[in-house]
Amino acid sequence: MKFYITTSIAYTNAYPHIGFALELLQADVIARHKRRSCDVFFLTGTDEHGTKIAHAAKENGMEPREFVEDITGKVKELTEKLCISNDDFICTTDKEKHWPGVFDVWKKLSESGDIYKKHYKGLYCKGCEEFKRKKDLVEGKCVYHDKEPQETEEENYFFRLSRYKEQIKRLIESDELRIIPESRKKEILSFMKEGLEDVSISRSRETLSWGIPVPGDDDQTIYVWVDALTNYISALGYGRDEELFSKYWPCDVHCVGKDILRFHALIWTGMLLSAGITPPREILVHGFITVEGRKMSKSLGNVIDPLALLEEHHVDAVRYFFLREVPVTADGDFSESRFKERYNADLADGLGNLLSRSIALANKKGVDKANGTQEIKRKTEEVLHSSMSLIDNYKLNEALEKIWELIHFADRYIERERPWEEGKEEVVESLLYMLLALADMIAPFMPWTSEEVQRRVEKKEKGGLFPKT
């Protein structure tokens, strides 16, 4: 059975932020979990075209290509340092892998009669790279960027998104296209009640020269939606390798932030319907991260650099904190004090201490095998079944909470059974059994720690995993 999962692609106008790191981690856990039973294809990448990128490059005294190569390098570095298990990394500047799919989608939309050119005047948000309706603004400002959109006037190509309103609505209402959580589904359906407007899918070359040219019209550049969103199929070979595409499409899960849900649920779905391509099955929507209860901003000096965080802390400590502390579909908060508290309680005094005590007992008593009693096997099986079910339902933080129940159980088991006394070898065998089970359960969340626990149990190697801070 196949399983195709994607993150959104990181926008390369700035170095990757902690919100994208969170999205990578959540998708990675799901991908690693699904690999237990499925043929998984896991995609991430970078969106390297657009006006914000062209402006950012100019401000930094660089050519756009040089600028995006630097940013993309950092995104790739982040995926590597977070131990992300992606199978491919797509870049929208890739003329061999990405552009053929973009041109093919444009052709399909055009053949469906869904592309037309018109003169347009509207309110344009640079941050979203989207025209805004007045009713979507709060006190005249974009809700995500807290800035007033600029009045913009151009002649562009448009996509007839309005034509697909009823089809999209039926897909979402029936959960044929499932939006998770339910609150986000309701949000999209509520938005659709006022109708869907056609969307601009090109900009003039004078306004945006950094991008893919419109086929047959050198005066226009393909704009965000047909370019960026097409990455999900171009990476699978759409327009160049139909065998790979047919193997993994449709997408099983798109992981996206709540600020780009509309683009995926509405524009992307409409484009796929127009092009005669099956829509994705699920869109999993995560929230934002605040810092000590406050929104991250440069002016407050509280922006978290995920690469800097990884320089300071072990990768699995970082992975554990965000996956345990932040519910997948809700906002979460980061603070150094909370990170230290979670690290010491759950990793140093929790899993690390259990491993250290158990190995010491095994060495003292000469215990080599891991074998649980009926009580231990029943408890382990219950935790395994519950945690796997929670992962299947994208409740990753709850799955970790459930797994840690076994650690707490093991600690109580030690105090109850007093394995340091004579004739308690069976108790030590049960502790080793639980540790190997824990190693397997945490593998999607903390791959290094999983392997290290297993190795140390097998070799009876001393030493703590996570020194207390």
Protein backbone atom coordinates (compact mmCIF):
# COMPACT_ATOMS: atom_id res chain seq x y z
CA MET A 1 0.00 0.00 0.00
CA LYS A 2 1.33 3.46 -0.91
CA PHE A 3 1.30 6.61 1.21
CA TYR A 4 2.22 10.06 -0.12
CA ILE A 5 2.78 12.91 2.33
CA THR A 6 4.03 16.47 1.75
CA THR A 7 4.91 19.57 3.68
CA SER A 8 4.29 22.94 2.12
CA ILE A 9 7.39 24.28 0.39
CA ALA A 10 9.38 26.85 2.33
CA TYR A 11 9.29 30.35 0.87
CA THR A 12 12.85 31.50 0.25
CA ASN A 13 12.58 35.19 1.06
CA ALA A 14 14.20 34.51 4.46
CA TYR A 15 15.94 31.76 6.40
CA PRO A 16 13.66 28.92 7.60
CA HIS A 17 11.70 29.66 10.78
CA ILE A 18 10.59 27.47 13.67
CA GLY A 19 7.06 27.10 12.25
CA PHE A 20 8.41 25.33 9.18
CA ALA A 21 10.61 23.18 11.42
CA LEU A 22 7.48 22.14 13.31
CA GLU A 23 5.74 21.22 10.05
CA LEU A 24 8.74 19.14 8.98
CA LEU A 25 8.75 17.30 12.30
CA GLN A 26 5.05 16.53 12.26
CA ALA A 27 5.18 15.23 8.69
CA ASP A 28 8.33 13.24 9.47
CA VAL A 29 6.69 11.38 12.38
CA ILE A 30 3.71 10.48 10.20
CA ALA A 31 5.99 9.33 7.36
CA ARG A 32 8.20 7.22 9.65
CA HIS A 33 5.14 5.69 11.29
CA LYS A 34 3.52 4.85 7.95
CA ARG A 35 6.72 3.19 6.70
CA ARG A 36 5.98 0.36 9.13
CA SER A 37 3.25 -0.82 6.77
CA CYS A 38 3.29 1.34 3.61
CA ASP A 39 5.44 2.30 0.65
CA VAL A 40 5.92 5.96 1.61
CA PHE A 41 6.95 8.94 -0.49
CA PHE A 42 7.66 12.03 1.63
CA LEU A 43 8.22 15.38 -0.10
CA THR A 44 9.43 18.76 1.04
CA GLY A 45 11.20 21.60 -0.76
CA THR A 46 11.41 25.31 -1.48
CA ASP A 47 9.33 27.90 -3.31
CA GLU A 48 11.96 30.03 -5.04
CA HIS A 49 9.96 32.44 -7.21
CA GLY A 50 7.93 35.53 -6.43
CA THR A 51 7.96 39.27 -5.82
CA LYS A 52 8.98 39.04 -2.17
CA ILE A 53 12.03 37.00 -3.13
CA ALA A 54 13.02 39.40 -5.91
CA HIS A 55 12.69 42.33 -3.49
CA ALA A 56 14.60 40.56 -0.70
CA ALA A 57 17.42 39.68 -3.08
CA LYS A 58 17.67 43.29 -4.25
CA GLU A 59 17.73 44.57 -0.66
CA ASN A 60 20.62 42.20 0.05
CA GLY A 61 22.52 43.28 -3.05
CA MET A 62 22.22 39.83 -4.65
CA GLU A 63 20.80 38.33 -7.80
CA PRO A 64 17.63 36.29 -7.15
CA ARG A 65 19.25 32.96 -8.07
CA GLU A 66 22.21 33.52 -5.77
CA PHE A 67 19.85 34.64 -3.01
CA VAL A 68 17.53 31.62 -3.20
CA GLU A 69 20.41 29.16 -3.44
CA ASP A 70 21.67 30.48 -0.10
CA ILE A 71 18.23 30.19 1.54
CA THR A 72 17.53 26.76 0.03
CA GLY A 73 20.87 25.59 1.36
CA LYS A 74 19.72 26.54 4.86
CA VAL A 75 16.40 24.73 4.41
CA LYS A 76 18.24 21.59 3.31
CA GLU A 77 20.58 21.96 6.27
CA LEU A 78 17.57 22.18 8.57
CA THR A 79 16.04 18.99 7.17
CA GLU A 80 19.33 17.18 7.66
CA LYS A 81 19.94 18.44 11.21
CA LEU A 82 16.35 17.63 12.23
CA CYS A 83 16.85 14.09 10.83
CA ILE A 84 13.92 14.51 8.43
CA SER A 85 13.37 11.38 6.34
CA ASN A 86 12.10 13.04 3.15
CA ASP A 87 12.43 11.03 -0.05
CA ASP A 88 12.80 14.08 -2.30
CA PHE A 89 13.39 17.81 -2.14
CA ILE A 90 11.76 19.91 -4.86
CA CYS A 91 12.86 23.40 -5.93
CA THR A 92 10.61 25.53 -8.13
CA THR A 93 13.64 26.80 -10.06
CA ASP A 94 14.39 23.27 -11.24
CA LYS A 95 13.80 23.45 -14.99
CA GLU A 96 14.13 19.71 -15.51
CA LYS A 97 12.02 18.41 -12.65
CA HIS A 98 9.49 21.16 -11.87
CA TRP A 99 8.91 23.32 -14.94
CA PRO A 100 7.51 20.57 -17.25
CA GLY A 101 4.74 19.92 -14.72
CA VAL A 102 3.93 23.63 -14.48
CA PHE A 103 3.67 24.01 -18.24
CA ASP A 104 1.49 20.91 -18.47
CA VAL A 105 -0.89 22.16 -15.76
CA TRP A 106 -1.14 25.56 -17.50
CA LYS A 107 -1.96 23.76 -20.72
CA LYS A 108 -4.64 21.62 -19.06
CA LEU A 109 -6.29 24.64 -17.39
CA SER A 110 -6.26 26.48 -20.70
CA GLU A 111 -7.74 23.52 -22.59
CA SER A 112 -10.53 23.39 -19.99
CA GLY A 113 -11.37 27.00 -20.84
CA ASP A 114 -10.43 28.12 -17.33
CA ILE A 115 -7.71 30.66 -18.14
CA TYR A 116 -8.57 34.14 -19.39
CA LYS A 117 -6.87 37.53 -19.44
CA LYS A 118 -8.36 40.67 -17.99
CA HIS A 119 -7.53 44.10 -16.62
CA TYR A 120 -7.73 44.04 -12.85
CA LYS A 121 -7.63 46.46 -9.98
CA GLY A 122 -7.53 45.29 -6.37
CA LEU A 123 -5.94 45.25 -2.94
CA TYR A 124 -2.71 43.25 -3.01
CA CYS A 125 -0.94 41.91 0.10
CA LYS A 126 2.78 41.47 -0.55
CA GLY A 127 3.13 39.17 2.46
CA CYS A 128 0.50 36.71 1.23
CA GLU A 129 1.20 37.45 -2.43
CA GLU A 130 -2.54 37.52 -2.88
CA PHE A 131 -5.31 39.97 -3.77
CA LYS A 132 -7.54 40.55 -0.74
CA ARG A 133 -11.24 41.29 -0.39
CA LYS A 134 -12.06 44.24 1.86
CA LYS A 135 -14.19 41.99 4.06
CA ASP A 136 -11.13 39.78 4.73
CA LEU A 137 -9.20 42.68 6.27
CA VAL A 138 -9.27 43.73 9.92
CA GLU A 139 -9.18 47.50 10.31
CA GLY A 140 -7.98 47.62 6.72
CA LYS A 141 -5.03 45.31 7.36
CA CYS A 142 -4.11 41.73 6.48
CA VAL A 143 -4.77 39.51 9.51
CA TYR A 144 -1.51 37.62 9.01
CA HIS A 145 0.88 40.49 8.23
CA ASP A 146 -0.78 43.43 10.02
CA LYS A 147 -0.20 45.66 7.01
CA GLU A 148 -2.52 47.48 4.65
CA PRO A 149 -2.63 45.91 1.18
CA GLN A 150 -1.53 48.09 -1.73
CA GLU A 151 -3.98 49.06 -4.44
CA THR A 152 -2.65 47.36 -7.56
CA GLU A 153 -3.76 47.63 -11.17
CA GLU A 154 -2.60 45.23 -13.90
CA GLU A 155 -3.62 43.06 -16.80
CA ASN A 156 -3.14 39.42 -15.78
CA TYR A 157 -4.26 35.91 -16.57
CA PHE A 158 -6.97 34.57 -14.28
CA PHE A 159 -8.13 31.07 -13.33
CA ARG A 160 -11.90 30.42 -13.23
CA LEU A 161 -11.95 29.16 -9.65
CA SER A 162 -15.58 30.28 -9.35
CA ARG A 163 -16.57 27.53 -11.78
CA TYR A 164 -15.56 24.85 -9.28
CA LYS A 165 -17.25 26.15 -6.14
CA GLU A 166 -19.95 23.48 -5.91
CA GLN A 167 -17.58 20.61 -6.70
CA ILE A 168 -15.07 21.77 -4.09
CA LYS A 169 -17.85 22.25 -1.57
CA ARG A 170 -19.15 18.71 -2.11
CA LEU A 171 -15.66 17.25 -1.77
CA ILE A 172 -15.07 19.03 1.55
CA GLU A 173 -18.54 18.45 3.00
CA SER A 174 -18.38 14.72 2.25
CA ASP A 175 -14.80 14.43 3.57
CA GLU A 176 -13.70 13.06 0.22
CA LEU A 177 -11.25 15.92 0.71
CA ARG A 178 -10.88 15.78 4.48
CA ILE A 179 -9.70 18.90 6.29
CA ILE A 180 -8.23 18.31 9.74
CA PRO A 181 -9.21 19.58 12.28
CA GLU A 182 -12.97 19.89 11.87
CA SER A 183 -12.81 23.57 12.90
CA ARG A 184 -10.71 24.33 9.80
CA LYS A 185 -13.21 22.48 7.62
CA LYS A 186 -16.00 24.67 9.01
CA GLU A 187 -13.85 27.76 8.45
CA ILE A 188 -13.40 26.93 4.76
CA LEU A 189 -17.06 26.10 4.20
CA SER A 190 -18.04 29.35 5.90
CA PHE A 191 -15.66 31.28 3.64
CA MET A 192 -17.21 29.64 0.58
CA LYS A 193 -20.74 30.76 1.46
CA GLU A 194 -20.02 34.16 -0.05
CA GLY A 195 -18.80 32.58 -3.27
CA LEU A 196 -15.40 32.01 -4.81
CA GLU A 197 -13.74 34.66 -6.92
CA ASP A 198 -11.49 33.87 -9.86
CA VAL A 199 -7.80 34.21 -8.97
CA SER A 200 -4.88 35.90 -10.69
CA ILE A 201 -2.33 33.36 -11.89
CA SER A 202 0.18 35.64 -13.61
CA ARG A 203 1.94 38.96 -13.19
CA SER A 204 3.45 41.22 -15.84
CA ARG A 205 7.16 40.68 -16.51
CA GLU A 206 7.70 44.31 -15.59
CA THR A 207 6.29 43.62 -12.13
CA LEU A 208 7.76 40.14 -11.72
CA SER A 209 10.58 38.97 -13.93
CA TRP A 210 11.81 36.30 -11.47
CA GLY A 211 9.66 33.30 -12.30
CA ILE A 212 8.43 30.89 -14.96
CA PRO A 213 7.25 32.59 -18.19
CA VAL A 214 3.66 32.10 -19.34
CA PRO A 215 3.65 29.77 -22.37
CA GLY A 216 3.15 31.86 -25.52
CA ASP A 217 3.22 35.20 -23.69
CA ASP A 218 6.67 36.51 -22.80
CA ASP A 219 5.15 39.62 -21.22
CA GLN A 220 3.68 37.59 -18.34
CA THR A 221 5.16 35.47 -15.53
CA ILE A 222 3.34 32.51 -14.01
CA TYR A 223 2.29 33.50 -10.53
CA VAL A 224 2.39 31.61 -7.23
CA TRP A 225 -0.49 29.18 -7.58
CA VAL A 226 0.22 27.38 -10.84
CA ASP A 227 3.93 27.52 -10.05
CA ALA A 228 4.27 26.73 -6.34
CA LEU A 229 1.29 24.42 -5.81
CA THR A 230 2.23 22.28 -8.78
CA ASN A 231 5.33 21.10 -6.88
CA TYR A 232 3.26 18.36 -5.29
CA ILE A 233 2.82 16.63 -8.64
CA SER A 234 5.91 17.82 -10.53
CA ALA A 235 8.11 16.09 -7.93
CA LEU A 236 6.29 12.85 -8.76
CA GLY A 237 7.07 13.26 -12.44
CA TYR A 238 3.84 14.85 -13.66
CA GLY A 239 4.55 16.01 -17.20
CA ARG A 240 7.69 13.85 -17.52
CA ASP A 241 7.40 10.50 -15.63
CA GLU A 242 3.86 9.16 -15.57
CA GLU A 243 4.88 5.87 -13.92
CA LEU A 244 6.10 7.56 -10.74
CA PHE A 245 3.13 9.92 -10.72
CA SER A 246 0.54 7.18 -11.10
CA LYS A 247 2.25 5.14 -8.37
CA TYR A 248 1.92 7.73 -5.59
CA TRP A 249 -0.82 10.19 -6.58
CA PRO A 250 -3.29 11.18 -5.18
CA CYS A 251 -1.63 12.72 -2.16
CA ASP A 252 -2.73 11.16 1.12
CA VAL A 253 -1.81 14.11 3.34
CA HIS A 254 -0.76 17.71 2.66
CA CYS A 255 0.68 19.20 5.87
CA VAL A 256 0.21 22.99 5.84
CA GLY A 257 -0.02 25.98 8.17
CA LYS A 258 -3.39 27.55 8.90
CA ASP A 259 -2.42 30.71 6.98
CA ILE A 260 -2.22 28.84 3.65
CA LEU A 261 -5.18 26.49 4.05
CA ARG A 262 -7.40 28.43 1.63
CA PHE A 263 -4.84 28.19 -1.14
CA HIS A 264 -4.66 24.41 -0.75
CA ALA A 265 -8.30 23.62 -0.05
CA LEU A 266 -9.71 25.95 -2.71
CA ILE A 267 -7.23 27.08 -5.37
CA TRP A 268 -5.23 23.84 -5.53
CA THR A 269 -8.35 21.68 -5.53
CA GLY A 270 -9.94 23.85 -8.23
CA MET A 271 -6.82 23.62 -10.39
CA LEU A 272 -6.73 19.83 -10.06
CA LEU A 273 -10.40 19.52 -10.96
CA SER A 274 -9.87 21.71 -14.01
CA ALA A 275 -6.82 19.67 -15.07
CA GLY A 276 -8.64 16.37 -14.61
CA ILE A 277 -6.41 15.26 -11.73
CA THR A 278 -7.73 13.56 -8.60
CA PRO A 279 -7.67 15.94 -5.58
CA PRO A 280 -5.70 15.06 -2.43
CA ARG A 281 -7.35 12.98 0.28
CA GLU A 282 -6.48 15.02 3.37
CA ILE A 283 -5.15 18.42 4.39
CA LEU A 284 -3.67 18.45 7.89
CA VAL A 285 -3.56 21.99 9.27
CA HIS A 286 -1.18 23.02 12.04
CA GLY A 287 -1.10 26.22 14.07
CA PHE A 288 1.56 28.79 14.92
CA ILE A 289 4.26 28.92 17.59
CA THR A 290 4.45 31.79 20.05
CA VAL A 291 7.35 32.61 22.36
CA GLU A 292 6.43 32.95 26.01
CA GLY A 293 2.89 33.74 24.92
CA ARG A 294 3.87 36.42 22.43
CA LYS A 295 3.85 36.39 18.65
CA MET A 296 7.33 36.10 17.16
CA SER A 297 8.62 39.30 15.58
CA LYS A 298 11.98 40.84 14.76
CA SER A 299 11.06 44.02 16.61
CA LEU A 300 10.53 42.03 19.83
CA GLY A 301 13.76 40.14 19.26
CA ASN A 302 12.09 36.81 20.03
CA VAL A 303 12.34 35.05 16.67
CA ILE A 304 13.54 31.46 17.13
CA ASP A 305 16.18 30.29 14.67
CA PRO A 306 15.73 26.51 14.47
CA LEU A 307 19.31 25.98 13.32
CA ALA A 308 20.62 27.94 16.31
CA LEU A 309 18.36 25.89 18.60
CA LEU A 310 19.85 22.70 17.16
CA GLU A 311 23.37 24.00 17.77
CA GLU A 312 22.51 24.43 21.44
CA HIS A 313 20.42 21.31 22.07
CA HIS A 314 20.46 17.67 21.00
CA VAL A 315 18.28 17.06 17.95
CA ASP A 316 16.06 14.53 19.72
CA ALA A 317 15.53 16.90 22.64
CA VAL A 318 14.30 19.51 20.14
CA ARG A 319 12.18 16.96 18.30
CA TYR A 320 10.69 15.70 21.56
CA PHE A 321 9.85 19.14 22.93
CA PHE A 322 7.92 20.40 19.90
CA LEU A 323 6.19 17.08 19.21
CA ARG A 324 5.21 16.62 22.87
CA GLU A 325 4.41 20.23 23.70
CA VAL A 326 2.49 21.36 20.59
CA PRO A 327 -0.77 19.66 19.56
CA VAL A 328 -0.66 19.09 15.80
CA THR A 329 -3.75 21.14 14.98
CA ALA A 330 -3.36 23.94 17.53
CA ASP A 331 -1.01 26.79 18.39
CA GLY A 332 1.87 26.09 20.74
CA ASP A 333 4.31 28.04 22.86
CA PHE A 334 8.06 27.91 23.33
CA SER A 335 10.10 29.15 26.26
CA GLU A 336 13.58 28.23 27.44
CA SER A 337 12.25 27.49 30.92
CA ARG A 338 9.57 25.15 29.59
CA PHE A 339 12.10 23.45 27.30
CA LYS A 340 14.44 22.83 30.27
CA GLU A 341 11.57 21.60 32.43
CA ARG A 342 10.36 19.14 29.80
CA TYR A 343 13.93 18.00 29.05
CA ASN A 344 14.82 17.29 32.68
CA ALA A 345 11.52 15.69 33.68
CA ASP A 346 10.86 13.54 30.61
CA LEU A 347 14.27 12.87 29.07
CA ALA A 348 16.93 13.12 31.78
CA ASP A 349 14.92 11.93 34.80
CA GLY A 350 12.48 9.90 32.71
CA LEU A 351 13.73 7.80 29.82
CA GLY A 352 17.43 8.42 30.47
CA ASN A 353 17.22 7.48 34.14
CA LEU A 354 15.17 4.35 33.44
CA LEU A 355 17.73 3.18 30.89
CA SER A 356 20.66 3.89 33.20
CA ARG A 357 19.10 2.08 36.20
CA SER A 358 18.02 -0.90 34.12
CA ILE A 359 21.43 -1.40 32.47
CA ALA A 360 23.17 -1.12 35.85
CA LEU A 361 20.87 -3.79 37.30
CA ALA A 362 21.35 -6.05 34.26
CA ASN A 363 25.14 -5.81 34.57
CA LYS A 364 25.05 -6.40 38.33
CA LYS A 365 22.88 -9.50 38.03
CA GLY A 366 24.30 -10.82 34.77
CA VAL A 367 20.96 -10.60 32.96
CA ASP A 368 21.31 -10.87 29.16
CA LYS A 369 17.82 -11.44 27.82
CA ALA A 370 14.77 -9.19 27.61
CA ASN A 371 11.57 -11.03 28.45
CA GLY A 372 8.45 -9.60 30.02
CA THR A 373 6.07 -11.23 32.44
CA GLN A 374 2.43 -11.52 31.44
CA GLU A 375 1.68 -8.32 33.37
CA ILE A 376 4.46 -6.44 31.58
CA LYS A 377 3.48 -7.75 28.16
CA ARG A 378 -0.15 -6.78 28.67
CA LYS A 379 0.80 -3.25 29.74
CA THR A 380 3.30 -2.84 26.91
CA GLU A 381 0.81 -4.08 24.32
CA GLU A 382 -1.85 -1.69 25.63
CA VAL A 383 0.50 1.31 25.40
CA LEU A 384 1.72 0.25 21.94
CA HIS A 385 -1.81 -0.17 20.56
CA SER A 386 -3.03 3.13 22.03
CA SER A 387 -0.02 5.16 20.90
CA MET A 388 -0.11 3.76 17.35
CA SER A 389 -3.80 4.60 17.11
CA LEU A 390 -3.13 8.15 18.29
CA ILE A 391 -0.44 8.61 15.63
CA ASP A 392 -2.85 7.30 12.99
CA ASN A 393 -5.22 10.08 14.09
CA TYR A 394 -2.45 12.72 14.05
CA LYS A 395 -2.54 13.19 17.83
CA LEU A 396 1.22 13.08 18.09
CA ASN A 397 1.56 14.85 21.44
CA GLU A 398 -1.00 12.49 22.98
CA ALA A 399 0.87 9.50 21.53
CA LEU A 400 4.05 10.63 23.28
CA GLU A 401 2.13 11.19 26.49
CA LYS A 402 0.82 7.63 26.23
CA ILE A 403 4.29 6.21 25.55
CA TRP A 404 5.66 8.00 28.60
CA GLU A 405 3.01 6.23 30.67
CA LEU A 406 5.07 3.08 30.17
CA ILE A 407 8.14 4.87 31.53
CA HIS A 408 6.22 5.97 34.62
CA PHE A 409 4.84 2.44 34.96
CA ALA A 410 8.38 1.03 34.77
CA ASP A 411 9.55 3.42 37.49
CA ARG A 412 6.70 2.29 39.78
CA TYR A 413 7.45 -1.32 38.86
CA ILE A 414 11.04 -0.88 40.04
CA GLU A 415 9.96 0.57 43.37
CA ARG A 416 7.38 -2.18 43.85
CA GLU A 417 9.49 -5.15 42.84
CA ARG A 418 12.87 -3.98 44.27
CA PRO A 419 14.97 -5.65 41.55
CA TRP A 420 18.25 -5.01 43.40
CA GLU A 421 17.32 -7.77 45.85
CA GLU A 422 18.24 -11.42 45.43
CA GLY A 423 16.28 -13.57 42.99
CA LYS A 424 14.84 -10.68 40.99
CA GLU A 425 16.34 -11.48 37.59
CA GLU A 426 12.88 -11.81 36.04
CA VAL A 427 12.13 -8.21 37.01
CA VAL A 428 15.30 -6.99 35.29
CA GLU A 429 14.41 -9.01 32.18
CA SER A 430 11.03 -7.24 32.18
CA LEU A 431 12.72 -3.84 32.43
CA LEU A 432 14.87 -4.64 29.39
CA TYR A 433 11.76 -5.86 27.57
CA MET A 434 9.99 -2.57 28.23
CA LEU A 435 13.03 -0.56 27.12
CA LEU A 436 13.18 -2.39 23.77
CA ALA A 437 9.44 -1.81 23.33
CA LEU A 438 9.93 1.87 24.16
CA ALA A 439 12.74 2.09 21.59
CA ASP A 440 10.36 0.81 18.94
CA MET A 441 7.52 3.13 19.99
CA ILE A 442 9.62 6.32 19.99
CA ALA A 443 11.33 5.54 16.67
CA PRO A 444 9.13 7.90 14.58
CA PHE A 445 9.61 10.71 17.10
CA MET A 446 13.23 10.32 18.21
CA PRO A 447 15.11 8.14 15.70
CA TRP A 448 18.59 8.58 17.22
CA THR A 449 17.37 7.88 20.74
CA SER A 450 15.45 4.83 19.55
CA GLU A 451 18.57 3.30 18.02
CA GLU A 452 20.70 4.26 21.01
CA VAL A 453 18.33 2.69 23.55
CA GLN A 454 18.23 -0.52 21.55
CA ARG A 455 22.02 -0.60 21.17
CA ARG A 456 22.67 0.02 24.86
CA VAL A 457 20.18 -2.61 25.98
CA GLU A 458 21.70 -5.19 23.64
CA LYS A 459 25.28 -4.35 24.66
CA LYS A 460 24.44 -3.53 28.31
CA GLU A 461 26.35 -0.28 27.85
CA LYS A 462 26.37 2.19 30.74
CA GLY A 463 25.96 5.95 30.53
CA GLY A 464 23.09 8.41 30.48
CA LEU A 465 21.40 9.50 27.24
CA PHE A 466 20.38 12.97 28.36
CA PRO A 467 22.55 14.65 31.04
CA LYS A 468 20.45 16.74 33.38
CA THR A 469 20.77 20.51 32.95
